[in-house]
Amino acid sequence: MSRPRGTTSGWLAVLLLGGLVATAQAEIPVIKVDEAHQAMAQSGRQAVPNLVYEIPAGQGVLLDISKPVRFKSGDVKFNRYKPNRLDLQFADNSKARYYRIYSSSQKMLELDRTTLRREEDAPPFPGFRAGDRFIISLGYEFPRPHRDEKRTVATAWVGVVDVVGAPEKEPAPEVEGIPVDQMGDR
């Protein structure tokens, strides 16, 4: 029995492409939510500067929330809720605020321009640039009884992240086949 032409190369292309996709995902930095990085004041105490996460510059990050985050409030009414909202705010720009609603069954959250929603006055999500500092908070967003009422969010966990290094540089654009950096004073 003969095999149709091109079948082997087609499968090889799918396997190679699948490997490239897996490799690209593996390079996204991962932030693991834990108690050591909890930067929120607890039970009337002031926040203690805990560990700060560091990630390389890039377009996105994965947040590992596989370890459950619990409310540490003395207010018992929060104990029955599980976080369902992530907020991200850049420290140097009060208007650069973004959020994501998620299910408590999710264990990994991708944070990038396709998954983060902008708050009202926020600019488009810029990615994570070297020198940026941002704050991530996980909490529970209560349903609004009326559409015109303000959202109520109870925060359970807060972490601080510094972005270090430089993102991968894209190749210089070419004009008439000559790289821009080699053009001189034309």
C-alpha atoms as a PDB file:
ATOM      1  CA  MET A   1       0.000   0.000   0.000  1.00  0.00           C
ATOM      2  CA  SER A   2       1.457   3.347  -0.922  1.00  0.00           C
ATOM      3  CA  ARG A   3       1.335   6.413   1.267  1.00  0.00           C
ATOM      4  CA  PRO A   4       0.128   9.732  -0.184  1.00  0.00           C
ATOM      5  CA  ARG A   5       2.934  12.138  -1.018  1.00  0.00           C
ATOM      6  CA  GLY A   6       3.643  14.923   1.462  1.00  0.00           C
ATOM      7  CA  THR A   7       2.079  13.149   4.454  1.00  0.00           C
ATOM      8  CA  THR A   8       5.353  12.640   6.322  1.00  0.00           C
ATOM      9  CA  SER A   9       6.499  16.221   5.820  1.00  0.00           C
ATOM     10  CA  GLY A  10       3.102  17.526   6.928  1.00  0.00           C
ATOM     11  CA  TRP A  11       3.277  15.597  10.210  1.00  0.00           C
ATOM     12  CA  LEU A  12       6.872  16.708  10.672  1.00  0.00           C
ATOM     13  CA  ALA A  13       5.842  20.346  10.243  1.00  0.00           C
ATOM     14  CA  VAL A  14       3.058  19.931  12.838  1.00  0.00           C
ATOM     15  CA  LEU A  15       5.494  18.301  15.289  1.00  0.00           C
ATOM     16  CA  LEU A  16       8.090  21.023  14.752  1.00  0.00           C
ATOM     17  CA  LEU A  17       5.531  23.809  15.086  1.00  0.00           C
ATOM     18  CA  GLY A  18       4.152  22.209  18.258  1.00  0.00           C
ATOM     19  CA  GLY A  19       7.694  22.126  19.693  1.00  0.00           C
ATOM     20  CA  LEU A  20       8.195  25.815  18.900  1.00  0.00           C
ATOM     21  CA  VAL A  21       4.947  26.755  20.618  1.00  0.00           C
ATOM     22  CA  ALA A  22       5.886  24.752  23.720  1.00  0.00           C
ATOM     23  CA  THR A  23       9.352  26.351  23.762  1.00  0.00           C
ATOM     24  CA  ALA A  24       7.900  29.857  23.495  1.00  0.00           C
ATOM     25  CA  GLN A  25       5.533  29.213  26.418  1.00  0.00           C
ATOM     26  CA  ALA A  26       8.346  27.812  28.562  1.00  0.00           C
ATOM     27  CA  GLU A  27      10.220  31.136  28.330  1.00  0.00           C
ATOM     28  CA  ILE A  28       7.461  33.158  30.015  1.00  0.00           C
ATOM     29  CA  PRO A  29       8.528  34.009  33.586  1.00  0.00           C
ATOM     30  CA  VAL A  30       6.495  32.434  36.388  1.00  0.00           C
ATOM     31  CA  ILE A  31       5.560  34.181  39.633  1.00  0.00           C
ATOM     32  CA  LYS A  32       4.560  31.705  42.344  1.00  0.00           C
ATOM     33  CA  VAL A  33       2.116  33.172  44.868  1.00  0.00           C
ATOM     34  CA  ASP A  34       3.259  32.328  48.401  1.00  0.00           C
ATOM     35  CA  GLU A  35       3.233  33.645  51.973  1.00  0.00           C
ATOM     36  CA  ALA A  36       6.868  34.820  51.840  1.00  0.00           C
ATOM     37  CA  HIS A  37       5.938  37.476  49.266  1.00  0.00           C
ATOM     38  CA  GLN A  38       2.716  38.620  51.005  1.00  0.00           C
ATOM     39  CA  ALA A  39       3.052  42.411  51.242  1.00  0.00           C
ATOM     40  CA  MET A  40      -0.351  43.189  52.745  1.00  0.00           C
ATOM     41  CA  ALA A  41      -0.859  44.417  56.295  1.00  0.00           C
ATOM     42  CA  GLN A  42      -2.584  41.784  58.426  1.00  0.00           C
ATOM     43  CA  SER A  43      -4.942  42.170  61.380  1.00  0.00           C
ATOM     44  CA  GLY A  44      -4.215  45.812  62.110  1.00  0.00           C
ATOM     45  CA  ARG A  45      -0.431  45.456  61.764  1.00  0.00           C
ATOM     46  CA  GLN A  46       1.506  47.515  59.263  1.00  0.00           C
ATOM     47  CA  ALA A  47       2.806  45.811  56.141  1.00  0.00           C
ATOM     48  CA  VAL A  48       6.338  44.516  56.503  1.00  0.00           C
ATOM     49  CA  PRO A  49       8.505  44.832  53.410  1.00  0.00           C
ATOM     50  CA  ASN A  50       8.712  41.181  52.420  1.00  0.00           C
ATOM     51  CA  LEU A  51      10.469  39.634  49.488  1.00  0.00           C
ATOM     52  CA  VAL A  52       9.999  41.294  46.115  1.00  0.00           C
ATOM     53  CA  TYR A  53       9.622  39.175  42.990  1.00  0.00           C
ATOM     54  CA  GLU A  54      11.990  39.869  40.085  1.00  0.00           C
ATOM     55  CA  ILE A  55      11.160  38.987  36.497  1.00  0.00           C
ATOM     56  CA  PRO A  56      12.909  39.708  33.194  1.00  0.00           C
ATOM     57  CA  ALA A  57      11.395  42.291  30.875  1.00  0.00           C
ATOM     58  CA  GLY A  58       8.917  40.920  28.364  1.00  0.00           C
ATOM     59  CA  GLN A  59       5.340  40.927  27.136  1.00  0.00           C
ATOM     60  CA  GLY A  60       3.816  38.613  29.716  1.00  0.00           C
ATOM     61  CA  VAL A  61       4.115  36.576  32.883  1.00  0.00           C
ATOM     62  CA  LEU A  62       2.435  33.483  34.331  1.00  0.00           C
ATOM     63  CA  LEU A  63       1.048  33.709  37.853  1.00  0.00           C
ATOM     64  CA  ASP A  64       1.065  30.351  39.638  1.00  0.00           C
ATOM     65  CA  ILE A  65      -1.867  30.330  42.067  1.00  0.00           C
ATOM     66  CA  SER A  66      -1.849  26.562  42.633  1.00  0.00           C
ATOM     67  CA  LYS A  67      -1.406  27.104  46.378  1.00  0.00           C
ATOM     68  CA  PRO A  68      -4.723  28.454  47.710  1.00  0.00           C
ATOM     69  CA  VAL A  69      -4.802  32.090  48.806  1.00  0.00           C
ATOM     70  CA  ARG A  70      -6.906  32.606  51.901  1.00  0.00           C
ATOM     71  CA  PHE A  71      -8.239  35.784  53.430  1.00  0.00           C
ATOM     72  CA  LYS A  72      -6.352  36.637  56.620  1.00  0.00           C
ATOM     73  CA  SER A  73      -8.918  39.159  57.766  1.00  0.00           C
ATOM     74  CA  GLY A  74     -10.337  38.961  61.261  1.00  0.00           C
ATOM     75  CA  ASP A  75     -13.693  39.474  59.569  1.00  0.00           C
ATOM     76  CA  VAL A  76     -15.208  35.974  59.398  1.00  0.00           C
ATOM     77  CA  LYS A  77     -17.569  36.915  56.558  1.00  0.00           C
ATOM     78  CA  PHE A  78     -14.681  36.682  54.050  1.00  0.00           C
ATOM     79  CA  ASN A  79     -13.654  33.152  55.032  1.00  0.00           C
ATOM     80  CA  ARG A  80     -16.238  31.547  52.750  1.00  0.00           C
ATOM     81  CA  TYR A  81     -15.041  33.371  49.619  1.00  0.00           C
ATOM     82  CA  LYS A  82     -12.254  32.358  47.267  1.00  0.00           C
ATOM     83  CA  PRO A  83     -10.377  35.024  45.279  1.00  0.00           C
ATOM     84  CA  ASN A  84     -11.738  35.563  41.763  1.00  0.00           C
ATOM     85  CA  ARG A  85     -10.108  38.837  40.707  1.00  0.00           C
ATOM     86  CA  LEU A  86      -6.538  39.898  40.005  1.00  0.00           C
ATOM     87  CA  ASP A  87      -5.530  43.566  39.941  1.00  0.00           C
ATOM     88  CA  LEU A  88      -2.232  44.854  38.542  1.00  0.00           C
ATOM     89  CA  GLN A  89      -0.995  48.429  38.952  1.00  0.00           C
ATOM     90  CA  PHE A  90       2.283  49.973  37.867  1.00  0.00           C
ATOM     91  CA  ALA A  91       3.900  51.854  40.768  1.00  0.00           C
ATOM     92  CA  ASP A  92       5.046  54.830  38.672  1.00  0.00           C
ATOM     93  CA  ASN A  93       1.681  55.550  37.021  1.00  0.00           C
ATOM     94  CA  SER A  94      -1.524  55.644  39.026  1.00  0.00           C
ATOM     95  CA  LYS A  95      -3.590  55.387  35.824  1.00  0.00           C
ATOM     96  CA  ALA A  96      -1.857  52.211  34.597  1.00  0.00           C
ATOM     97  CA  ARG A  97      -4.315  49.826  36.270  1.00  0.00           C
ATOM     98  CA  TYR A  98      -5.450  46.501  34.852  1.00  0.00           C
ATOM     99  CA  TYR A  99      -7.497  43.546  36.085  1.00  0.00           C
ATOM    100  CA  ARG A 100      -8.530  40.013  35.301  1.00  0.00           C
ATOM    101  CA  ILE A 101     -11.489  37.978  36.552  1.00  0.00           C
ATOM    102  CA  TYR A 102     -10.758  34.282  36.981  1.00  0.00           C
ATOM    103  CA  SER A 103     -12.273  31.074  38.287  1.00  0.00           C
ATOM    104  CA  SER A 104     -11.098  29.659  41.610  1.00  0.00           C
ATOM    105  CA  SER A 105     -10.407  26.379  39.774  1.00  0.00           C
ATOM    106  CA  GLN A 106      -7.650  27.989  37.657  1.00  0.00           C
ATOM    107  CA  LYS A 107      -4.083  27.288  38.805  1.00  0.00           C
ATOM    108  CA  MET A 108      -2.083  29.412  36.332  1.00  0.00           C
ATOM    109  CA  LEU A 109      -3.012  32.875  35.088  1.00  0.00           C
ATOM    110  CA  GLU A 110      -1.345  34.393  32.047  1.00  0.00           C
ATOM    111  CA  LEU A 111      -0.943  38.150  32.360  1.00  0.00           C
ATOM    112  CA  ASP A 112      -0.379  39.999  29.099  1.00  0.00           C
ATOM    113  CA  ARG A 113      -2.091  42.444  26.743  1.00  0.00           C
ATOM    114  CA  THR A 114      -4.608  39.782  25.641  1.00  0.00           C
ATOM    115  CA  THR A 115      -5.755  38.715  29.133  1.00  0.00           C
ATOM    116  CA  LEU A 116      -5.633  41.915  31.193  1.00  0.00           C
ATOM    117  CA  ARG A 117      -8.514  44.386  30.973  1.00  0.00           C
ATOM    118  CA  ARG A 118      -7.906  48.104  31.380  1.00  0.00           C
ATOM    119  CA  GLU A 119      -9.499  50.155  34.119  1.00  0.00           C
ATOM    120  CA  GLU A 120     -11.327  53.282  32.905  1.00  0.00           C
ATOM    121  CA  ASP A 121      -8.425  55.710  32.377  1.00  0.00           C
ATOM    122  CA  ALA A 122      -5.637  53.187  31.792  1.00  0.00           C
ATOM    123  CA  PRO A 123      -3.495  53.284  28.656  1.00  0.00           C
ATOM    124  CA  PRO A 124      -3.101  50.085  26.589  1.00  0.00           C
ATOM    125  CA  PHE A 125      -1.084  47.475  28.486  1.00  0.00           C
ATOM    126  CA  PRO A 126       2.611  48.178  27.722  1.00  0.00           C
ATOM    127  CA  GLY A 127       4.121  44.851  28.722  1.00  0.00           C
ATOM    128  CA  PHE A 128       6.755  44.570  31.443  1.00  0.00           C
ATOM    129  CA  ARG A 129       9.679  46.950  30.807  1.00  0.00           C
ATOM    130  CA  ALA A 130      13.052  46.971  32.576  1.00  0.00           C
ATOM    131  CA  GLY A 131      12.868  49.317  35.572  1.00  0.00           C
ATOM    132  CA  ASP A 132       9.103  48.877  36.063  1.00  0.00           C
ATOM    133  CA  ARG A 133       7.694  48.042  39.481  1.00  0.00           C
ATOM    134  CA  PHE A 134       4.151  46.794  39.751  1.00  0.00           C
ATOM    135  CA  ILE A 135       1.807  45.469  42.382  1.00  0.00           C
ATOM    136  CA  ILE A 136      -0.392  42.408  41.966  1.00  0.00           C
ATOM    137  CA  SER A 137      -3.337  41.822  44.265  1.00  0.00           C
ATOM    138  CA  LEU A 138      -5.696  38.871  44.459  1.00  0.00           C
ATOM    139  CA  GLY A 139      -9.136  39.307  45.947  1.00  0.00           C
ATOM    140  CA  TYR A 140     -12.818  38.632  45.737  1.00  0.00           C
ATOM    141  CA  GLU A 141     -15.081  40.857  43.644  1.00  0.00           C
ATOM    142  CA  PHE A 142     -18.583  40.892  45.064  1.00  0.00           C
ATOM    143  CA  PRO A 143     -21.487  40.903  42.614  1.00  0.00           C
ATOM    144  CA  ARG A 144     -22.981  44.375  42.160  1.00  0.00           C
ATOM    145  CA  PRO A 145     -26.640  44.496  43.200  1.00  0.00           C
ATOM    146  CA  HIS A 146     -27.209  47.346  40.733  1.00  0.00           C
ATOM    147  CA  ARG A 147     -25.337  48.185  37.552  1.00  0.00           C
ATOM    148  CA  ASP A 148     -24.648  51.768  38.630  1.00  0.00           C
ATOM    149  CA  GLU A 149     -23.081  50.767  41.964  1.00  0.00           C
ATOM    150  CA  LYS A 150     -19.329  50.765  42.402  1.00  0.00           C
ATOM    151  CA  ARG A 151     -17.486  47.432  42.468  1.00  0.00           C
ATOM    152  CA  THR A 152     -16.537  46.082  45.886  1.00  0.00           C
ATOM    153  CA  VAL A 153     -13.339  44.035  46.086  1.00  0.00           C
ATOM    154  CA  ALA A 154     -11.915  42.449  49.230  1.00  0.00           C
ATOM    155  CA  THR A 155      -8.149  41.896  48.917  1.00  0.00           C
ATOM    156  CA  ALA A 156      -6.571  38.655  50.158  1.00  0.00           C
ATOM    157  CA  TRP A 157      -2.967  38.807  48.871  1.00  0.00           C
ATOM    158  CA  VAL A 158      -0.619  41.517  47.562  1.00  0.00           C
ATOM    159  CA  GLY A 159       2.788  41.058  45.928  1.00  0.00           C
ATOM    160  CA  VAL A 160       5.380  43.487  44.564  1.00  0.00           C
ATOM    161  CA  VAL A 161       7.287  42.740  41.343  1.00  0.00           C
ATOM    162  CA  ASP A 162      10.392  44.429  39.903  1.00  0.00           C
ATOM    163  CA  VAL A 163      11.209  44.053  36.208  1.00  0.00           C
ATOM    164  CA  VAL A 164      14.922  43.638  35.519  1.00  0.00           C
ATOM    165  CA  GLY A 165      17.036  43.344  32.380  1.00  0.00           C
ATOM    166  CA  ALA A 166      16.075  44.149  28.841  1.00  0.00           C
ATOM    167  CA  PRO A 167      13.602  42.369  26.557  1.00  0.00           C
ATOM    168  CA  GLU A 168      14.877  40.586  23.475  1.00  0.00           C
ATOM    169  CA  LYS A 169      15.671  43.113  20.783  1.00  0.00           C
ATOM    170  CA  GLU A 170      13.872  42.828  17.509  1.00  0.00           C
ATOM    171  CA  PRO A 171      16.057  42.989  14.409  1.00  0.00           C
ATOM    172  CA  ALA A 172      16.476  46.477  12.964  1.00  0.00           C
ATOM    173  CA  PRO A 173      14.042  47.203  10.129  1.00  0.00           C
ATOM    174  CA  GLU A 174      15.535  47.093   6.654  1.00  0.00           C
ATOM    175  CA  VAL A 175      15.204  49.766   3.993  1.00  0.00           C
ATOM    176  CA  GLU A 176      16.036  48.715   0.432  1.00  0.00           C
ATOM    177  CA  GLY A 177      17.784  45.648   1.861  1.00  0.00           C
ATOM    178  CA  ILE A 178      20.219  47.681   4.013  1.00  0.00           C
ATOM    179  CA  PRO A 179      19.878  47.498   7.821  1.00  0.00           C
ATOM    180  CA  VAL A 180      19.066  50.904   9.323  1.00  0.00           C
ATOM    181  CA  ASP A 181      22.157  50.859  11.574  1.00  0.00           C
ATOM    182  CA  GLN A 182      24.400  50.523   8.463  1.00  0.00           C
ATOM    183  CA  MET A 183      22.794  53.247   6.374  1.00  0.00           C
ATOM    184  CA  GLY A 184      24.929  56.163   7.513  1.00  0.00           C
ATOM    185  CA  ASP A 185      23.866  59.655   6.331  1.00  0.00           C
ATOM    186  CA  ARG A 186      21.925  58.770   3.189  1.00  0.00           C
END
